[in-house]
C-alpha atoms as a PDB file:
ATOM      1  CA  UNK A   1      -0.043   7.145   9.306  1.00  0.00           C
ATOM      2  CA  UNK A   2      -1.504   5.914   6.074  1.00  0.00           C
ATOM      3  CA  UNK A   3      -2.339   2.703   4.259  1.00  0.00           C
ATOM      4  CA  UNK A   4      -1.870   1.996   0.568  1.00  0.00           C
ATOM      5  CA  UNK A   5      -1.971  -1.308  -1.268  1.00  0.00           C
ATOM      6  CA  UNK A   6      -1.386  -2.378  -4.843  1.00  0.00           C
ATOM      7  CA  UNK A   7      -2.523  -5.664  -6.384  1.00  0.00           C
ATOM      8  CA  UNK A   8      -1.449  -7.057  -9.764  1.00  0.00           C
ATOM      9  CA  UNK A   9      -3.534  -9.910 -11.156  1.00  0.00           C
ATOM     10  CA  UNK A  10      -3.740 -11.532 -14.566  1.00  0.00           C
ATOM     11  CA  UNK A  11      -6.319  -9.017 -15.786  1.00  0.00           C
ATOM     12  CA  UNK A  12      -4.728  -5.837 -14.478  1.00  0.00           C
ATOM     13  CA  UNK A  13      -3.820  -3.562 -11.582  1.00  0.00           C
ATOM     14  CA  UNK A  14      -5.647  -2.233  -8.513  1.00  0.00           C
ATOM     15  CA  UNK A  15      -4.259   0.626  -6.402  1.00  0.00           C
ATOM     16  CA  UNK A  16      -5.955   1.858  -3.206  1.00  0.00           C
ATOM     17  CA  UNK A  17      -4.913   4.627  -0.794  1.00  0.00           C
ATOM     18  CA  UNK A  18      -6.479   6.428   2.129  1.00  0.00           C
ATOM     19  CA  UNK A  19      -6.231  10.216   2.464  1.00  0.00           C
ATOM     20  CA  UNK A  20      -5.807  10.851   6.192  1.00  0.00           C
ATOM     21  CA  UNK A  21      -2.791  12.690   7.524  1.00  0.00           C
ATOM     22  CA  UNK A  22      -2.302  13.679  11.121  1.00  0.00           C
ATOM     23  CA  UNK A  23       0.232  15.566  13.165  1.00  0.00           C
ATOM     24  CA  UNK A  24      -1.393  14.841  16.506  1.00  0.00           C
ATOM     25  CA  UNK A  25      -4.854  13.920  17.715  1.00  0.00           C
ATOM     26  CA  UNK A  26      -6.262  17.381  17.021  1.00  0.00           C
ATOM     27  CA  UNK A  27      -4.550  18.050  13.683  1.00  0.00           C
ATOM     28  CA  UNK A  28      -6.109  15.772  11.073  1.00  0.00           C
ATOM     29  CA  UNK A  29      -6.303  16.678   7.389  1.00  0.00           C
ATOM     30  CA  UNK A  30      -7.153  15.144   4.009  1.00  0.00           C
ATOM     31  CA  UNK A  31      -4.488  14.926   1.302  1.00  0.00           C
ATOM     32  CA  UNK A  32      -4.424  12.858  -1.876  1.00  0.00           C
ATOM     33  CA  UNK A  33      -1.748  10.163  -1.725  1.00  0.00           C
ATOM     34  CA  UNK A  34      -2.564   8.335  -4.964  1.00  0.00           C
ATOM     35  CA  UNK A  35      -1.236  10.170  -8.030  1.00  0.00           C
ATOM     36  CA  UNK A  36      -1.779   9.060 -11.627  1.00  0.00           C
ATOM     37  CA  UNK A  37       0.497   9.911 -14.567  1.00  0.00           C
ATOM     38  CA  UNK A  38       0.398   8.843 -18.182  1.00  0.00           C
ATOM     39  CA  UNK A  39      -0.597   9.160 -21.809  1.00  0.00           C
ATOM     40  CA  UNK A  40      -3.889   7.315 -22.507  1.00  0.00           C
ATOM     41  CA  UNK A  41      -3.285   4.254 -24.640  1.00  0.00           C
ATOM     42  CA  UNK A  42       0.510   4.619 -24.370  1.00  0.00           C
ATOM     43  CA  UNK A  43       1.398   4.411 -20.693  1.00  0.00           C
ATOM     44  CA  UNK A  44      -0.183   4.718 -17.279  1.00  0.00           C
ATOM     45  CA  UNK A  45       1.575   4.984 -13.922  1.00  0.00           C
ATOM     46  CA  UNK A  46       0.183   5.261 -10.390  1.00  0.00           C
ATOM     47  CA  UNK A  47       2.202   6.449  -7.403  1.00  0.00           C
ATOM     48  CA  UNK A  48       0.930   5.992  -3.837  1.00  0.00           C
ATOM     49  CA  UNK A  49       2.864   7.592  -0.982  1.00  0.00           C
ATOM     50  CA  UNK A  50       3.386   6.857   2.692  1.00  0.00           C
ATOM     51  CA  UNK A  51       5.338   8.645   5.396  1.00  0.00           C
ATOM     52  CA  UNK A  52       6.119  12.298   6.050  1.00  0.00           C
ATOM     53  CA  UNK A  53       3.712  14.345   3.905  1.00  0.00           C
ATOM     54  CA  UNK A  54       6.116  17.196   3.159  1.00  0.00           C
ATOM     55  CA  UNK A  55       8.785  14.755   1.988  1.00  0.00           C
ATOM     56  CA  UNK A  56       6.438  12.695  -0.172  1.00  0.00           C
ATOM     57  CA  UNK A  57       5.076  15.864  -1.778  1.00  0.00           C
ATOM     58  CA  UNK A  58       8.631  17.017  -2.474  1.00  0.00           C
ATOM     59  CA  UNK A  59       9.413  13.718  -4.161  1.00  0.00           C
ATOM     60  CA  UNK A  60       6.263  13.881  -6.314  1.00  0.00           C
ATOM     61  CA  UNK A  61       7.043  17.475  -7.298  1.00  0.00           C
ATOM     62  CA  UNK A  62      10.628  16.519  -8.165  1.00  0.00           C
ATOM     63  CA  UNK A  63       9.362  13.688 -10.377  1.00  0.00           C
ATOM     64  CA  UNK A  64       6.967  16.093 -12.097  1.00  0.00           C
ATOM     65  CA  UNK A  65       9.488  18.887 -12.696  1.00  0.00           C
ATOM     66  CA  UNK A  66      12.375  16.508 -13.346  1.00  0.00           C
ATOM     67  CA  UNK A  67      16.042  16.094 -12.474  1.00  0.00           C
ATOM     68  CA  UNK A  68      18.757  16.989 -14.983  1.00  0.00           C
ATOM     69  CA  UNK A  69      20.901  14.025 -15.916  1.00  0.00           C
ATOM     70  CA  UNK A  70      24.540  15.250 -15.629  1.00  0.00           C
ATOM     71  CA  UNK A  71      25.669  12.855 -18.375  1.00  0.00           C
ATOM     72  CA  UNK A  72      23.044  13.599 -21.029  1.00  0.00           C
ATOM     73  CA  UNK A  73      21.663  16.974 -19.980  1.00  0.00           C
ATOM     74  CA  UNK A  74      18.148  15.528 -20.273  1.00  0.00           C
ATOM     75  CA  UNK A  75      15.544  16.598 -17.746  1.00  0.00           C
ATOM     76  CA  UNK A  76      14.300  13.241 -16.472  1.00  0.00           C
ATOM     77  CA  UNK A  77      10.692  13.183 -15.264  1.00  0.00           C
ATOM     78  CA  UNK A  78       8.438  10.298 -14.423  1.00  0.00           C
ATOM     79  CA  UNK A  79       6.328  10.780 -17.531  1.00  0.00           C
ATOM     80  CA  UNK A  80       9.242  10.645 -20.004  1.00  0.00           C
ATOM     81  CA  UNK A  81      10.864   7.519 -18.559  1.00  0.00           C
ATOM     82  CA  UNK A  82      11.300   4.865 -21.280  1.00  0.00           C
ATOM     83  CA  UNK A  83      10.233   1.864 -19.149  1.00  0.00           C
ATOM     84  CA  UNK A  84       8.507   1.096 -15.864  1.00  0.00           C
ATOM     85  CA  UNK A  85      11.789  -0.161 -14.415  1.00  0.00           C
ATOM     86  CA  UNK A  86      13.605   3.054 -15.286  1.00  0.00           C
ATOM     87  CA  UNK A  87      10.659   5.052 -13.938  1.00  0.00           C
ATOM     88  CA  UNK A  88      11.046   3.177 -10.620  1.00  0.00           C
ATOM     89  CA  UNK A  89      14.749   4.059 -10.692  1.00  0.00           C
ATOM     90  CA  UNK A  90      13.836   7.728 -11.158  1.00  0.00           C
ATOM     91  CA  UNK A  91      11.615   7.578  -8.080  1.00  0.00           C
ATOM     92  CA  UNK A  92      14.611   6.286  -6.143  1.00  0.00           C
ATOM     93  CA  UNK A  93      16.778   9.109  -7.542  1.00  0.00           C
ATOM     94  CA  UNK A  94      14.140  11.682  -6.551  1.00  0.00           C
ATOM     95  CA  UNK A  95      13.976  10.293  -3.011  1.00  0.00           C
ATOM     96  CA  UNK A  96      17.750  10.502  -2.642  1.00  0.00           C
ATOM     97  CA  UNK A  97      17.765  14.004  -4.153  1.00  0.00           C
ATOM     98  CA  UNK A  98      15.216  15.204  -1.582  1.00  0.00           C
ATOM     99  CA  UNK A  99      17.144  13.477   1.195  1.00  0.00           C
ATOM    100  CA  UNK A 100      20.409  15.146   0.179  1.00  0.00           C
ATOM    101  CA  UNK A 101      18.749  18.566   0.184  1.00  0.00           C
ATOM    102  CA  UNK A 102      16.753  18.156   3.412  1.00  0.00           C
ATOM    103  CA  UNK A 103      18.808  15.796   5.571  1.00  0.00           C
ATOM    104  CA  UNK A 104      20.686  18.459   7.556  1.00  0.00           C
ATOM    105  CA  UNK A 105      17.566  20.478   8.346  1.00  0.00           C
ATOM    106  CA  UNK A 106      15.610  17.350   9.273  1.00  0.00           C
ATOM    107  CA  UNK A 107      18.386  16.177  11.573  1.00  0.00           C
ATOM    108  CA  UNK A 108      18.535  19.582  13.266  1.00  0.00           C
ATOM    109  CA  UNK A 109      14.776  19.452  13.861  1.00  0.00           C
ATOM    110  CA  UNK A 110      14.978  15.798  15.008  1.00  0.00           C
ATOM    111  CA  UNK A 111      12.645  14.702  12.185  1.00  0.00           C
ATOM    112  CA  UNK A 112      13.098  11.255  10.692  1.00  0.00           C
ATOM    113  CA  UNK A 113      13.359  10.861   6.921  1.00  0.00           C
ATOM    114  CA  UNK A 114      10.334   8.599   6.545  1.00  0.00           C
ATOM    115  CA  UNK A 115       8.884   8.048   3.081  1.00  0.00           C
ATOM    116  CA  UNK A 116       8.015   5.103   0.841  1.00  0.00           C
ATOM    117  CA  UNK A 117       6.004   4.560  -2.323  1.00  0.00           C
ATOM    118  CA  UNK A 118       4.005   2.027  -4.264  1.00  0.00           C
ATOM    119  CA  UNK A 119       4.476   2.404  -8.000  1.00  0.00           C
ATOM    120  CA  UNK A 120       2.402   0.456 -10.501  1.00  0.00           C
ATOM    121  CA  UNK A 121       1.406   0.619 -14.130  1.00  0.00           C
ATOM    122  CA  UNK A 122       2.171  -0.432 -17.689  1.00  0.00           C
ATOM    123  CA  UNK A 123       3.875   0.862 -20.816  1.00  0.00           C
ATOM    124  CA  UNK A 124       2.459  -0.201 -24.179  1.00  0.00           C
ATOM    125  CA  UNK A 125       4.140  -3.389 -25.306  1.00  0.00           C
ATOM    126  CA  UNK A 126       5.476  -4.186 -21.818  1.00  0.00           C
ATOM    127  CA  UNK A 127       3.918  -6.115 -18.933  1.00  0.00           C
ATOM    128  CA  UNK A 128       2.003  -4.734 -15.971  1.00  0.00           C
ATOM    129  CA  UNK A 129       4.378  -4.106 -13.062  1.00  0.00           C
ATOM    130  CA  UNK A 130       4.178  -3.104  -9.399  1.00  0.00           C
ATOM    131  CA  UNK A 131       7.086  -1.860  -7.254  1.00  0.00           C
ATOM    132  CA  UNK A 132       7.612  -0.772  -3.655  1.00  0.00           C
ATOM    133  CA  UNK A 133      10.251   1.962  -3.342  1.00  0.00           C
ATOM    134  CA  UNK A 134      11.878   2.380   0.068  1.00  0.00           C
ATOM    135  CA  UNK A 135      13.154   5.505   1.773  1.00  0.00           C
ATOM    136  CA  UNK A 136      16.701   4.723   0.673  1.00  0.00           C
ATOM    137  CA  UNK A 137      15.621   4.739  -2.968  1.00  0.00           C
ATOM    138  CA  UNK A 138      15.974   0.986  -3.515  1.00  0.00           C
ATOM    139  CA  UNK A 139      12.948  -1.048  -4.523  1.00  0.00           C
ATOM    140  CA  UNK A 140      11.393  -4.484  -4.916  1.00  0.00           C
ATOM    141  CA  UNK A 141       8.864  -5.790  -7.439  1.00  0.00           C
ATOM    142  CA  UNK A 142       5.773  -7.923  -6.898  1.00  0.00           C
ATOM    143  CA  UNK A 143       5.671 -11.399  -8.431  1.00  0.00           C
ATOM    144  CA  UNK A 144       3.062 -13.955  -9.469  1.00  0.00           C
ATOM    145  CA  UNK A 145       3.661 -15.710  -6.138  1.00  0.00           C
ATOM    146  CA  UNK A 146       3.166 -12.486  -4.162  1.00  0.00           C
ATOM    147  CA  UNK A 147       0.974 -10.282  -6.368  1.00  0.00           C
ATOM    148  CA  UNK A 148       0.451  -7.456  -3.883  1.00  0.00           C
ATOM    149  CA  UNK A 149       2.509  -4.865  -2.026  1.00  0.00           C
ATOM    150  CA  UNK A 150       1.663  -2.473   0.828  1.00  0.00           C
ATOM    151  CA  UNK A 151       3.077   0.671   2.422  1.00  0.00           C
ATOM    152  CA  UNK A 152       2.097   2.425   5.610  1.00  0.00           C
ATOM    153  CA  UNK A 153       0.091   0.759   8.357  1.00  0.00           C
ATOM    154  CA  UNK A 154       0.015  -2.586   6.588  1.00  0.00           C
ATOM    155  CA  UNK A 155      -0.229  -5.195   9.332  1.00  0.00           C
ATOM    156  CA  UNK A 156      -4.003  -5.082   9.858  1.00  0.00           C
ATOM    157  CA  UNK A 157      -4.873  -5.464   6.188  1.00  0.00           C
ATOM    158  CA  UNK A 158      -2.221  -8.042   5.299  1.00  0.00           C
ATOM    159  CA  UNK A 159      -4.002 -11.185   6.605  1.00  0.00           C
ATOM    160  CA  UNK A 160      -6.954 -10.540   4.280  1.00  0.00           C
ATOM    161  CA  UNK A 161      -4.652 -10.208   1.272  1.00  0.00           C
ATOM    162  CA  UNK A 162      -2.634 -13.267   2.292  1.00  0.00           C
ATOM    163  CA  UNK A 163      -5.733 -15.441   2.462  1.00  0.00           C
ATOM    164  CA  UNK A 164      -7.722 -14.155  -0.502  1.00  0.00           C
ATOM    165  CA  UNK A 165      -5.463 -12.684  -3.207  1.00  0.00           C
ATOM    166  CA  UNK A 166      -3.881 -14.778  -5.935  1.00  0.00           C
ATOM    167  CA  UNK A 167      -2.620 -13.884  -9.391  1.00  0.00           C
ATOM    168  CA  UNK A 168      -5.618 -15.613 -11.010  1.00  0.00           C
ATOM    169  CA  UNK A 169      -8.331 -13.746  -9.076  1.00  0.00           C
ATOM    170  CA  UNK A 170     -10.748 -11.554 -11.058  1.00  0.00           C
ATOM    171  CA  UNK A 171      -9.753  -7.897 -11.364  1.00  0.00           C
ATOM    172  CA  UNK A 172     -12.807  -6.553  -9.554  1.00  0.00           C
ATOM    173  CA  UNK A 173     -12.609  -9.290  -6.937  1.00  0.00           C
ATOM    174  CA  UNK A 174      -9.094  -7.975  -6.307  1.00  0.00           C
ATOM    175  CA  UNK A 175     -10.614  -4.517  -5.833  1.00  0.00           C
ATOM    176  CA  UNK A 176     -13.166  -5.921  -3.397  1.00  0.00           C
ATOM    177  CA  UNK A 177     -10.480  -7.742  -1.391  1.00  0.00           C
ATOM    178  CA  UNK A 178      -8.365  -4.587  -1.351  1.00  0.00           C
ATOM    179  CA  UNK A 179     -11.292  -2.603   0.051  1.00  0.00           C
ATOM    180  CA  UNK A 180     -11.837  -5.244   2.747  1.00  0.00           C
ATOM    181  CA  UNK A 181      -8.147  -4.922   3.576  1.00  0.00           C
ATOM    182  CA  UNK A 182      -8.581  -1.148   3.830  1.00  0.00           C
ATOM    183  CA  UNK A 183     -11.630  -1.550   6.075  1.00  0.00           C
ATOM    184  CA  UNK A 184      -9.725  -3.939   8.361  1.00  0.00           C
ATOM    185  CA  UNK A 185      -6.970  -1.351   8.694  1.00  0.00           C
ATOM    186  CA  UNK A 186      -9.394   1.504   9.365  1.00  0.00           C
ATOM    187  CA  UNK A 187     -11.112  -0.566  12.067  1.00  0.00           C
ATOM    188  CA  UNK A 188      -7.856  -0.996  13.967  1.00  0.00           C
ATOM    189  CA  UNK A 189      -5.980   2.256  13.349  1.00  0.00           C
ATOM    190  CA  UNK A 190      -7.396   5.759  13.691  1.00  0.00           C
ATOM    191  CA  UNK A 191      -4.475   7.114  11.666  1.00  0.00           C
ATOM    192  CA  UNK A 192      -6.018   5.625   8.511  1.00  0.00           C
ATOM    193  CA  UNK A 193      -9.258   7.116   7.243  1.00  0.00           C
ATOM    194  CA  UNK A 194     -11.550   8.200   4.449  1.00  0.00           C
ATOM    195  CA  UNK A 195     -11.930   9.329   1.744  1.00  0.00           C
ATOM    196  CA  UNK A 196     -10.366   6.403  -0.134  1.00  0.00           C
ATOM    197  CA  UNK A 197      -8.878   6.823  -3.600  1.00  0.00           C
ATOM    198  CA  UNK A 198      -8.747   3.862  -5.959  1.00  0.00           C
ATOM    199  CA  UNK A 199      -7.561   3.068  -9.446  1.00  0.00           C
ATOM    200  CA  UNK A 200      -8.287   0.073 -11.682  1.00  0.00           C
ATOM    201  CA  UNK A 201      -6.274  -0.469 -14.872  1.00  0.00           C
ATOM    202  CA  UNK A 202      -7.073  -3.365 -17.209  1.00  0.00           C
ATOM    203  CA  UNK A 203      -4.062  -5.050 -18.747  1.00  0.00           C
ATOM    204  CA  UNK A 204      -2.854  -3.760 -22.126  1.00  0.00           C
ATOM    205  CA  UNK A 205      -5.205  -0.751 -22.192  1.00  0.00           C
ATOM    206  CA  UNK A 206      -2.748   1.725 -20.619  1.00  0.00           C
ATOM    207  CA  UNK A 207      -5.782   3.711 -19.485  1.00  0.00           C
ATOM    208  CA  UNK A 208      -7.612   4.053 -16.181  1.00  0.00           C
ATOM    209  CA  UNK A 209     -10.735   1.905 -16.363  1.00  0.00           C
ATOM    210  CA  UNK A 210     -11.841   3.240 -12.986  1.00  0.00           C
ATOM    211  CA  UNK A 211     -10.513   6.217 -11.006  1.00  0.00           C
ATOM    212  CA  UNK A 212     -12.802   6.824  -8.055  1.00  0.00           C
ATOM    213  CA  UNK A 213     -12.931   8.419  -4.601  1.00  0.00           C
ATOM    214  CA  UNK A 214     -15.023   6.717  -1.912  1.00  0.00           C
ATOM    215  CA  UNK A 215     -16.467   9.369   0.369  1.00  0.00           C
ATOM    216  CA  UNK A 216     -17.793   8.717   3.908  1.00  0.00           C
ATOM    217  CA  UNK A 217     -21.235   7.138   3.736  1.00  0.00           C
ATOM    218  CA  UNK A 218     -20.784   5.773   0.196  1.00  0.00           C
ATOM    219  CA  UNK A 219     -23.431   2.975  -0.071  1.00  0.00           C
ATOM    220  CA  UNK A 220     -21.318   0.144  -1.520  1.00  0.00           C
ATOM    221  CA  UNK A 221     -18.423   0.581   0.896  1.00  0.00           C
ATOM    222  CA  UNK A 222     -20.764   0.849   3.896  1.00  0.00           C
ATOM    223  CA  UNK A 223     -22.492  -2.358   2.769  1.00  0.00           C
ATOM    224  CA  UNK A 224     -19.134  -4.087   2.280  1.00  0.00           C
ATOM    225  CA  UNK A 225     -18.035  -3.126   5.795  1.00  0.00           C
ATOM    226  CA  UNK A 226     -21.297  -4.395   7.295  1.00  0.00           C
ATOM    227  CA  UNK A 227     -21.288  -7.648   5.339  1.00  0.00           C
ATOM    228  CA  UNK A 228     -17.642  -8.374   6.162  1.00  0.00           C
ATOM    229  CA  UNK A 229     -18.278  -7.892   9.900  1.00  0.00           C
ATOM    230  CA  UNK A 230     -21.330 -10.126   9.721  1.00  0.00           C
ATOM    231  CA  UNK A 231     -19.406 -12.767   7.774  1.00  0.00           C
ATOM    232  CA  UNK A 232     -16.632 -12.815  10.390  1.00  0.00           C
ATOM    233  CA  UNK A 233     -19.154 -13.191  13.219  1.00  0.00           C
ATOM    234  CA  UNK A 234     -20.941 -15.972  11.360  1.00  0.00           C
ATOM    235  CA  UNK A 235     -17.635 -17.737  10.665  1.00  0.00           C
ATOM    236  CA  UNK A 236     -16.508 -17.796  14.284  1.00  0.00           C
ATOM    237  CA  UNK A 237     -19.984 -18.877  15.433  1.00  0.00           C
ATOM    238  CA  UNK A 238     -19.862 -21.735  12.919  1.00  0.00           C
ATOM    239  CA  UNK A 239     -16.599 -23.112  14.334  1.00  0.00           C
ATOM    240  CA  UNK A 240     -16.969 -25.476  17.292  1.00  0.00           C
ATOM    241  CA  UNK A 241     -15.643 -24.363  20.653  1.00  0.00           C
ATOM    242  CA  UNK A 242     -12.192 -25.602  21.730  1.00  0.00           C
ATOM    243  CA  UNK A 243     -12.471 -29.080  23.311  1.00  0.00           C
ATOM    244  CA  UNK A 244      -9.664 -28.491  25.811  1.00  0.00           C
ATOM    245  CA  UNK A 245     -10.094 -29.326  29.509  1.00  0.00           C
ATOM    246  CA  UNK A 246      -7.833 -28.932  32.529  1.00  0.00           C
ATOM    247  CA  UNK A 247      -5.461 -31.887  32.828  1.00  0.00           C
ATOM    248  CA  UNK A 248      -4.750 -33.502  36.209  1.00  0.00           C
ATOM    249  CA  UNK A 249      -1.078 -32.568  35.907  1.00  0.00           C
ATOM    250  CA  UNK A 250       0.433 -29.516  34.282  1.00  0.00           C
ATOM    251  CA  UNK A 251       2.238 -30.247  30.999  1.00  0.00           C
ATOM    252  CA  UNK A 252       6.034 -30.005  31.357  1.00  0.00           C
ATOM    253  CA  UNK A 253       6.201 -26.668  29.533  1.00  0.00           C
ATOM    254  CA  UNK A 254       3.678 -25.102  31.904  1.00  0.00           C
ATOM    255  CA  UNK A 255       5.432 -26.582  34.924  1.00  0.00           C
ATOM    256  CA  UNK A 256       8.745 -25.053  33.860  1.00  0.00           C
ATOM    257  CA  UNK A 257       7.050 -21.713  33.225  1.00  0.00           C
ATOM    258  CA  UNK A 258       5.673 -21.856  36.759  1.00  0.00           C
ATOM    259  CA  UNK A 259       9.140 -22.495  38.198  1.00  0.00           C
ATOM    260  CA  UNK A 260       8.520 -26.195  38.926  1.00  0.00           C
ATOM    261  CA  UNK A 261      10.630 -29.188  38.030  1.00  0.00           C
ATOM    262  CA  UNK A 262       8.961 -31.159  35.186  1.00  0.00           C
ATOM    263  CA  UNK A 263       8.046 -34.748  35.956  1.00  0.00           C
ATOM    264  CA  UNK A 264      10.265 -37.437  34.413  1.00  0.00           C
END
């Protein structure tokens, strides 16, 4: 498994991805899943992958080498796409191209075609955008109302994002919340693990303001994990205990669940 999240706020973009891949409990490796493309000052694009590693690597390689457009003869790569939207379309084309080439062999080996991507960035003169591209090649885009997207083992980190992320939040607060979301996922799923790759892009710069890998034992992340755990313990201790007591008669719903006829 893996976990990747992207957050678009007013000031820019945050992308975070773990690096753990596993093919069984005793076959765990580290592979980069967050890839950055671009021309500084002109365009910057980040692609985070989830799913079958061999398939996601094939898609990334296809996007790098390009696919020949049968109508124009142009070799279409990710880097020469004219807009973010058309770049997202090219990711979908690359996914379908890999599927067409590998589907028969995968079916014969009983391997599921499982791959998805987060794709975020900005072209000069355009707005910052964030897409999630599915295994079928179709995609959705984040909005001001929902300024984040996730792929992979997303359920453990989603509640943190739901409660804390809004479009108006500070860029580096968005990074902090994303790291808390990553920590929550790592706590609950052994298939997600360090190192963690992250990217921060400030709006209208088209350049990576921060591209960083968090290694095991990194002081800030260890402190964040400790403080978040302590904050959760303090929060639940600060909430009063439930005031409920046993009633003399079971409520109707409980009586029915116990096979009894509810009182009228």
